[in-house]
């Protein structure tokens, strides 16, 4: 969150109309993991801001699901 706080010092949330969170590989997984929290953080100040997530290659076969805590990727194939 320190990076976001730094960004919002340079570009305040009050004037931001569109915000894109992107990442690839492990960063792609971070997009999936953190997008809702980041969107809530931004929309708490400016509900009109559109927040998008753009993940590239963020699936890890051996990573447990946040929803179930189980390794859903390999057990449901």
PDB file of N, CA and C in Angstrom:
ATOM      1  N   UNK A   1       0.808  -1.201   0.000  1.00  0.00           N
ATOM      2  CA  UNK A   1       0.000   0.000   0.000  1.00  0.00           C
ATOM      3  C   UNK A   1       0.852   1.265   0.000  1.00  0.00           C
ATOM      4  N   UNK A   2       2.113   1.153   0.353  1.00  0.00           N
ATOM      5  CA  UNK A   2       2.988   2.331   0.349  1.00  0.00           C
ATOM      6  C   UNK A   2       3.092   2.916  -1.057  1.00  0.00           C
ATOM      7  N   UNK A   3       3.121   2.053  -2.076  1.00  0.00           N
ATOM      8  CA  UNK A   3       3.188   2.546  -3.452  1.00  0.00           C
ATOM      9  C   UNK A   3       1.935   3.343  -3.803  1.00  0.00           C
ATOM     10  N   UNK A   4       0.782   2.845  -3.379  1.00  0.00           N
ATOM     11  CA  UNK A   4      -0.457   3.571  -3.667  1.00  0.00           C
ATOM     12  C   UNK A   4      -0.494   4.912  -2.953  1.00  0.00           C
ATOM     13  N   UNK A   5      -0.059   4.932  -1.709  1.00  0.00           N
ATOM     14  CA  UNK A   5      -0.032   6.199  -0.975  1.00  0.00           C
ATOM     15  C   UNK A   5       0.876   7.202  -1.670  1.00  0.00           C
ATOM     16  N   UNK A   6       2.013   6.727  -2.197  1.00  0.00           N
ATOM     17  CA  UNK A   6       2.914   7.599  -2.943  1.00  0.00           C
ATOM     18  C   UNK A   6       2.244   8.119  -4.214  1.00  0.00           C
ATOM     19  N   UNK A   7       1.585   7.230  -4.942  1.00  0.00           N
ATOM     20  CA  UNK A   7       0.891   7.629  -6.177  1.00  0.00           C
ATOM     21  C   UNK A   7      -0.169   8.682  -5.874  1.00  0.00           C
ATOM     22  N   UNK A   8      -0.919   8.492  -4.789  1.00  0.00           N
ATOM     23  CA  UNK A   8      -2.004   9.413  -4.490  1.00  0.00           C
ATOM     24  C   UNK A   8      -1.513  10.744  -3.934  1.00  0.00           C
ATOM     25  N   UNK A   9      -0.262  10.812  -3.512  1.00  0.00           N
ATOM     26  CA  UNK A   9       0.311  12.118  -3.175  1.00  0.00           C
ATOM     27  C   UNK A   9       0.580  12.913  -4.445  1.00  0.00           C
ATOM     28  N   UNK A  10       0.954  12.192  -5.518  1.00  0.00           N
ATOM     29  CA  UNK A  10       1.223  12.853  -6.793  1.00  0.00           C
ATOM     30  C   UNK A  10      -0.053  13.119  -7.580  1.00  0.00           C
ATOM     31  N   UNK A  11      -0.995  12.187  -7.512  1.00  0.00           N
ATOM     32  CA  UNK A  11      -2.252  12.289  -8.248  1.00  0.00           C
ATOM     33  C   UNK A  11      -3.394  11.965  -7.282  1.00  0.00           C
ATOM     34  N   UNK A  12      -3.993  12.971  -6.679  1.00  0.00           N
ATOM     35  CA  UNK A  12      -5.015  12.741  -5.657  1.00  0.00           C
ATOM     36  C   UNK A  12      -6.214  11.945  -6.181  1.00  0.00           C
ATOM     37  N   UNK A  13      -6.762  11.116  -5.323  1.00  0.00           N
ATOM     38  CA  UNK A  13      -7.921  10.293  -5.678  1.00  0.00           C
ATOM     39  C   UNK A  13      -9.131  11.132  -6.057  1.00  0.00           C
ATOM     40  N   UNK A  14      -9.216  12.333  -5.530  1.00  0.00           N
ATOM     41  CA  UNK A  14     -10.370  13.184  -5.801  1.00  0.00           C
ATOM     42  C   UNK A  14     -10.488  13.554  -7.273  1.00  0.00           C
ATOM     43  N   UNK A  15      -9.357  13.598  -8.000  1.00  0.00           N
ATOM     44  CA  UNK A  15      -9.387  14.026  -9.392  1.00  0.00           C
ATOM     45  C   UNK A  15      -9.140  12.868 -10.364  1.00  0.00           C
ATOM     46  N   UNK A  16      -8.974  11.667  -9.854  1.00  0.00           N
ATOM     47  CA  UNK A  16      -8.703  10.506 -10.704  1.00  0.00           C
ATOM     48  C   UNK A  16     -10.021   9.974 -11.261  1.00  0.00           C
ATOM     49  N   UNK A  17     -10.130   9.867 -12.604  1.00  0.00           N
ATOM     50  CA  UNK A  17     -11.366   9.340 -13.172  1.00  0.00           C
ATOM     51  C   UNK A  17     -11.233   7.882 -13.600  1.00  0.00           C
ATOM     52  N   UNK A  18     -10.012   7.421 -13.889  1.00  0.00           N
ATOM     53  CA  UNK A  18      -9.767   6.035 -14.284  1.00  0.00           C
ATOM     54  C   UNK A  18      -8.466   5.570 -13.659  1.00  0.00           C
ATOM     55  N   UNK A  19      -8.460   4.355 -13.136  1.00  0.00           N
ATOM     56  CA  UNK A  19      -7.266   3.797 -12.506  1.00  0.00           C
ATOM     57  C   UNK A  19      -7.133   2.346 -12.963  1.00  0.00           C
ATOM     58  N   UNK A  20      -5.963   1.984 -13.488  1.00  0.00           N
ATOM     59  CA  UNK A  20      -5.713   0.629 -13.980  1.00  0.00           C
ATOM     60  C   UNK A  20      -4.637  -0.019 -13.121  1.00  0.00           C
ATOM     61  N   UNK A  21      -4.949  -1.201 -12.616  1.00  0.00           N
ATOM     62  CA  UNK A  21      -3.986  -1.998 -11.861  1.00  0.00           C
ATOM     63  C   UNK A  21      -3.540  -3.120 -12.788  1.00  0.00           C
ATOM     64  N   UNK A  22      -2.232  -3.202 -13.052  1.00  0.00           N
ATOM     65  CA  UNK A  22      -1.776  -4.253 -13.958  1.00  0.00           C
ATOM     66  C   UNK A  22      -0.541  -4.943 -13.403  1.00  0.00           C
ATOM     67  N   UNK A  23      -0.283  -6.135 -13.912  1.00  0.00           N
ATOM     68  CA  UNK A  23       0.888  -6.892 -13.518  1.00  0.00           C
ATOM     69  C   UNK A  23       0.977  -8.160 -14.338  1.00  0.00           C
ATOM     70  N   UNK A  24       2.171  -8.727 -14.388  1.00  0.00           N
ATOM     71  CA  UNK A  24       2.349  -9.990 -15.099  1.00  0.00           C
ATOM     72  C   UNK A  24       3.045 -10.984 -14.177  1.00  0.00           C
ATOM     73  N   UNK A  25       2.795 -12.249 -14.419  1.00  0.00           N
ATOM     74  CA  UNK A  25       3.314 -13.349 -13.610  1.00  0.00           C
ATOM     75  C   UNK A  25       2.846 -13.162 -12.159  1.00  0.00           C
ATOM     76  N   UNK A  26       3.764 -13.043 -11.217  1.00  0.00           N
ATOM     77  CA  UNK A  26       3.355 -12.857  -9.823  1.00  0.00           C
ATOM     78  C   UNK A  26       2.578 -11.551  -9.648  1.00  0.00           C
ATOM     79  N   UNK A  27       2.901 -10.549 -10.456  1.00  0.00           N
ATOM     80  CA  UNK A  27       2.150  -9.297 -10.431  1.00  0.00           C
ATOM     81  C   UNK A  27       0.723  -9.487 -10.914  1.00  0.00           C
ATOM     82  N   UNK A  28       0.522 -10.429 -11.847  1.00  0.00           N
ATOM     83  CA  UNK A  28      -0.826 -10.754 -12.301  1.00  0.00           C
ATOM     84  C   UNK A  28      -1.649 -11.357 -11.180  1.00  0.00           C
ATOM     85  N   UNK A  29      -1.012 -12.225 -10.402  1.00  0.00           N
ATOM     86  CA  UNK A  29      -1.690 -12.789  -9.239  1.00  0.00           C
ATOM     87  C   UNK A  29      -2.026 -11.691  -8.235  1.00  0.00           C
ATOM     88  N   UNK A  30      -1.129 -10.731  -8.073  1.00  0.00           N
ATOM     89  CA  UNK A  30      -1.381  -9.612  -7.164  1.00  0.00           C
ATOM     90  C   UNK A  30      -2.570  -8.778  -7.629  1.00  0.00           C
ATOM     91  N   UNK A  31      -2.739  -8.638  -8.941  1.00  0.00           N
ATOM     92  CA  UNK A  31      -3.904  -7.915  -9.458  1.00  0.00           C
ATOM     93  C   UNK A  31      -5.179  -8.602  -8.987  1.00  0.00           C
ATOM     94  N   UNK A  32      -5.248  -9.932  -9.181  1.00  0.00           N
ATOM     95  CA  UNK A  32      -6.433 -10.675  -8.746  1.00  0.00           C
ATOM     96  C   UNK A  32      -6.635 -10.579  -7.236  1.00  0.00           C
ATOM     97  N   UNK A  33      -5.555 -10.616  -6.500  1.00  0.00           N
ATOM     98  CA  UNK A  33      -5.635 -10.643  -5.036  1.00  0.00           C
ATOM     99  C   UNK A  33      -6.028  -9.286  -4.455  1.00  0.00           C
ATOM    100  N   UNK A  34      -5.506  -8.200  -5.012  1.00  0.00           N
ATOM    101  CA  UNK A  34      -5.647  -6.887  -4.400  1.00  0.00           C
ATOM    102  C   UNK A  34      -6.626  -5.941  -5.090  1.00  0.00           C
ATOM    103  N   UNK A  35      -7.171  -6.314  -6.228  1.00  0.00           N
ATOM    104  CA  UNK A  35      -7.983  -5.365  -6.995  1.00  0.00           C
ATOM    105  C   UNK A  35      -9.176  -4.820  -6.210  1.00  0.00           C
ATOM    106  N   UNK A  36      -9.895  -5.666  -5.517  1.00  0.00           N
ATOM    107  CA  UNK A  36     -11.069  -5.192  -4.773  1.00  0.00           C
ATOM    108  C   UNK A  36     -10.674  -4.210  -3.674  1.00  0.00           C
ATOM    109  N   UNK A  37      -9.594  -4.498  -2.963  1.00  0.00           N
ATOM    110  CA  UNK A  37      -9.146  -3.603  -1.889  1.00  0.00           C
ATOM    111  C   UNK A  37      -8.712  -2.250  -2.461  1.00  0.00           C
ATOM    112  N   UNK A  38      -7.975  -2.280  -3.565  1.00  0.00           N
ATOM    113  CA  UNK A  38      -7.532  -1.036  -4.196  1.00  0.00           C
ATOM    114  C   UNK A  38      -8.736  -0.239  -4.701  1.00  0.00           C
ATOM    115  N   UNK A  39      -9.687  -0.916  -5.337  1.00  0.00           N
ATOM    116  CA  UNK A  39     -10.889  -0.233  -5.838  1.00  0.00           C
ATOM    117  C   UNK A  39     -11.671   0.387  -4.692  1.00  0.00           C
ATOM    118  N   UNK A  40     -11.825  -0.329  -3.596  1.00  0.00           N
ATOM    119  CA  UNK A  40     -12.536   0.221  -2.437  1.00  0.00           C
ATOM    120  C   UNK A  40     -11.812   1.429  -1.862  1.00  0.00           C
ATOM    121  N   UNK A  41     -10.481   1.356  -1.842  1.00  0.00           N
ATOM    122  CA  UNK A  41      -9.673   2.460  -1.328  1.00  0.00           C
ATOM    123  C   UNK A  41      -9.871   3.720  -2.180  1.00  0.00           C
ATOM    124  N   UNK A  42      -9.873   3.535  -3.481  1.00  0.00           N
ATOM    125  CA  UNK A  42     -10.042   4.668  -4.394  1.00  0.00           C
ATOM    126  C   UNK A  42     -11.480   5.179  -4.365  1.00  0.00           C
ATOM    127  N   UNK A  43     -12.446   4.259  -4.445  1.00  0.00           N
ATOM    128  CA  UNK A  43     -13.853   4.654  -4.502  1.00  0.00           C
ATOM    129  C   UNK A  43     -14.386   5.198  -3.184  1.00  0.00           C
ATOM    130  N   UNK A  44     -13.690   4.973  -2.082  1.00  0.00           N
ATOM    131  CA  UNK A  44     -14.131   5.560  -0.816  1.00  0.00           C
ATOM    132  C   UNK A  44     -13.990   7.076  -0.845  1.00  0.00           C
ATOM    133  N   UNK A  45     -13.058   7.577  -1.647  1.00  0.00           N
ATOM    134  CA  UNK A  45     -12.861   9.023  -1.782  1.00  0.00           C
ATOM    135  C   UNK A  45     -13.599   9.567  -2.994  1.00  0.00           C
ATOM    136  N   UNK A  46     -13.557   8.805  -4.097  1.00  0.00           N
ATOM    137  CA  UNK A  46     -14.207   9.250  -5.332  1.00  0.00           C
ATOM    138  C   UNK A  46     -14.961   8.081  -5.952  1.00  0.00           C
ATOM    139  N   UNK A  47     -16.257   7.936  -5.650  1.00  0.00           N
ATOM    140  CA  UNK A  47     -17.023   6.797  -6.167  1.00  0.00           C
ATOM    141  C   UNK A  47     -17.202   6.796  -7.684  1.00  0.00           C
ATOM    142  N   UNK A  48     -16.862   7.892  -8.346  1.00  0.00           N
ATOM    143  CA  UNK A  48     -16.992   7.957  -9.805  1.00  0.00           C
ATOM    144  C   UNK A  48     -15.769   7.415 -10.543  1.00  0.00           C
ATOM    145  N   UNK A  49     -14.708   7.105  -9.835  1.00  0.00           N
ATOM    146  CA  UNK A  49     -13.501   6.583 -10.478  1.00  0.00           C
ATOM    147  C   UNK A  49     -13.756   5.153 -10.945  1.00  0.00           C
ATOM    148  N   UNK A  50     -13.408   4.883 -12.197  1.00  0.00           N
ATOM    149  CA  UNK A  50     -13.503   3.524 -12.744  1.00  0.00           C
ATOM    150  C   UNK A  50     -12.172   2.825 -12.494  1.00  0.00           C
ATOM    151  N   UNK A  51     -12.220   1.654 -11.868  1.00  0.00           N
ATOM    152  CA  UNK A  51     -11.004   0.901 -11.548  1.00  0.00           C
ATOM    153  C   UNK A  51     -11.029  -0.397 -12.353  1.00  0.00           C
ATOM    154  N   UNK A  52      -9.955  -0.639 -13.087  1.00  0.00           N
ATOM    155  CA  UNK A  52      -9.835  -1.826 -13.931  1.00  0.00           C
ATOM    156  C   UNK A  52      -8.621  -2.638 -13.507  1.00  0.00           C
ATOM    157  N   UNK A  53      -8.716  -3.946 -13.663  1.00  0.00           N
ATOM    158  CA  UNK A  53      -7.581  -4.829 -13.430  1.00  0.00           C
ATOM    159  C   UNK A  53      -7.161  -5.474 -14.738  1.00  0.00           C
ATOM    160  N   UNK A  54      -5.870  -5.476 -15.005  1.00  0.00           N
ATOM    161  CA  UNK A  54      -5.329  -6.069 -16.219  1.00  0.00           C
ATOM    162  C   UNK A  54      -4.203  -7.021 -15.807  1.00  0.00           C
ATOM    163  N   UNK A  55      -4.548  -8.289 -15.676  1.00  0.00           N
ATOM    164  CA  UNK A  55      -3.568  -9.288 -15.228  1.00  0.00           C
ATOM    165  C   UNK A  55      -3.072 -10.098 -16.413  1.00  0.00           C
ATOM    166  N   UNK A  56      -1.782 -10.312 -16.471  1.00  0.00           N
ATOM    167  CA  UNK A  56      -1.174 -11.105 -17.536  1.00  0.00           C
ATOM    168  C   UNK A  56      -0.420 -12.265 -16.887  1.00  0.00           C
ATOM    169  N   UNK A  57      -0.912 -13.465 -17.114  1.00  0.00           N
ATOM    170  CA  UNK A  57      -0.237 -14.685 -16.637  1.00  0.00           C
ATOM    171  C   UNK A  57      -0.166 -14.760 -15.113  1.00  0.00           C
ATOM    172  N   UNK A  58      -1.279 -14.556 -14.458  1.00  0.00           N
ATOM    173  CA  UNK A  58      -1.278 -14.581 -13.008  1.00  0.00           C
ATOM    174  C   UNK A  58      -1.857 -15.840 -12.398  1.00  0.00           C
ATOM    175  N   UNK A  59      -1.850 -16.952 -13.116  1.00  0.00           N
ATOM    176  CA  UNK A  59      -2.382 -18.198 -12.581  1.00  0.00           C
ATOM    177  C   UNK A  59      -1.228 -19.108 -12.175  1.00  0.00           C
ATOM    178  N   UNK A  60      -1.297 -19.601 -10.964  1.00  0.00           N
ATOM    179  CA  UNK A  60      -0.279 -20.513 -10.463  1.00  0.00           C
ATOM    180  C   UNK A  60      -0.975 -21.810 -10.069  1.00  0.00           C
ATOM    181  N   UNK A  61      -0.613 -22.878 -10.715  1.00  0.00           N
ATOM    182  CA  UNK A  61      -1.291 -24.157 -10.508  1.00  0.00           C
ATOM    183  C   UNK A  61      -1.221 -24.641  -9.061  1.00  0.00           C
ATOM    184  N   UNK A  62      -0.173 -24.330  -8.353  1.00  0.00           N
ATOM    185  CA  UNK A  62      -0.001 -24.828  -6.988  1.00  0.00           C
ATOM    186  C   UNK A  62      -0.378 -23.807  -5.920  1.00  0.00           C
ATOM    187  N   UNK A  63      -1.064 -22.752  -6.289  1.00  0.00           N
ATOM    188  CA  UNK A  63      -1.441 -21.706  -5.346  1.00  0.00           C
ATOM    189  C   UNK A  63      -2.847 -21.967  -4.824  1.00  0.00           C
ATOM    190  N   UNK A  64      -3.043 -21.970  -3.494  1.00  0.00           N
ATOM    191  CA  UNK A  64      -4.386 -22.229  -2.965  1.00  0.00           C
ATOM    192  C   UNK A  64      -5.346 -21.073  -3.261  1.00  0.00           C
ATOM    193  N   UNK A  65      -6.587 -21.414  -3.446  1.00  0.00           N
ATOM    194  CA  UNK A  65      -7.623 -20.425  -3.720  1.00  0.00           C
ATOM    195  C   UNK A  65      -7.864 -19.553  -2.482  1.00  0.00           C
ATOM    196  N   UNK A  66      -8.053 -18.254  -2.702  1.00  0.00           N
ATOM    197  CA  UNK A  66      -8.396 -17.359  -1.592  1.00  0.00           C
ATOM    198  C   UNK A  66      -9.784 -17.670  -1.043  1.00  0.00           C
ATOM    199  N   UNK A  67     -10.649 -18.176  -1.902  1.00  0.00           N
ATOM    200  CA  UNK A  67     -12.032 -18.426  -1.505  1.00  0.00           C
ATOM    201  C   UNK A  67     -12.171 -19.692  -0.668  1.00  0.00           C
ATOM    202  N   UNK A  68     -11.532 -20.793  -1.121  1.00  0.00           N
ATOM    203  CA  UNK A  68     -11.721 -22.073  -0.434  1.00  0.00           C
ATOM    204  C   UNK A  68     -10.528 -22.490   0.421  1.00  0.00           C
ATOM    205  N   UNK A  69      -9.354 -21.905   0.158  1.00  0.00           N
ATOM    206  CA  UNK A  69      -8.156 -22.306   0.889  1.00  0.00           C
ATOM    207  C   UNK A  69      -7.559 -23.612   0.378  1.00  0.00           C
ATOM    208  N   UNK A  70      -8.168 -24.180  -0.652  1.00  0.00           N
ATOM    209  CA  UNK A  70      -7.700 -25.443  -1.220  1.00  0.00           C
ATOM    210  C   UNK A  70      -7.020 -25.194  -2.559  1.00  0.00           C
ATOM    211  N   UNK A  71      -6.332 -26.196  -3.044  1.00  0.00           N
ATOM    212  CA  UNK A  71      -5.641 -26.101  -4.318  1.00  0.00           C
ATOM    213  C   UNK A  71      -6.622 -26.422  -5.446  1.00  0.00           C
ATOM    214  N   UNK A  72      -7.547 -25.500  -5.711  1.00  0.00           N
ATOM    215  CA  UNK A  72      -8.626 -25.721  -6.677  1.00  0.00           C
ATOM    216  C   UNK A  72      -8.143 -25.836  -8.114  1.00  0.00           C
ATOM    217  N   UNK A  73      -7.035 -25.207  -8.439  1.00  0.00           N
ATOM    218  CA  UNK A  73      -6.562 -25.214  -9.822  1.00  0.00           C
ATOM    219  C   UNK A  73      -6.202 -26.631 -10.279  1.00  0.00           C
ATOM    220  N   UNK A  74      -5.527 -27.382  -9.433  1.00  0.00           N
ATOM    221  CA  UNK A  74      -5.116 -28.737  -9.847  1.00  0.00           C
ATOM    222  C   UNK A  74      -6.178 -29.789  -9.561  1.00  0.00           C
ATOM    223  N   UNK A  75      -7.025 -29.571  -8.572  1.00  0.00           N
ATOM    224  CA  UNK A  75      -8.027 -30.591  -8.254  1.00  0.00           C
ATOM    225  C   UNK A  75      -9.239 -30.531  -9.166  1.00  0.00           C
ATOM    226  N   UNK A  76      -9.477 -29.421  -9.847  1.00  0.00           N
ATOM    227  CA  UNK A  76     -10.658 -29.271 -10.702  1.00  0.00           C
ATOM    228  C   UNK A  76     -10.348 -29.391 -12.181  1.00  0.00           C
ATOM    229  N   UNK A  77      -9.159 -29.809 -12.523  1.00  0.00           N
ATOM    230  CA  UNK A  77      -8.806 -29.945 -13.943  1.00  0.00           C
ATOM    231  C   UNK A  77      -9.346 -31.241 -14.488  1.00  0.00           C
TER     232      UNK A  77
END
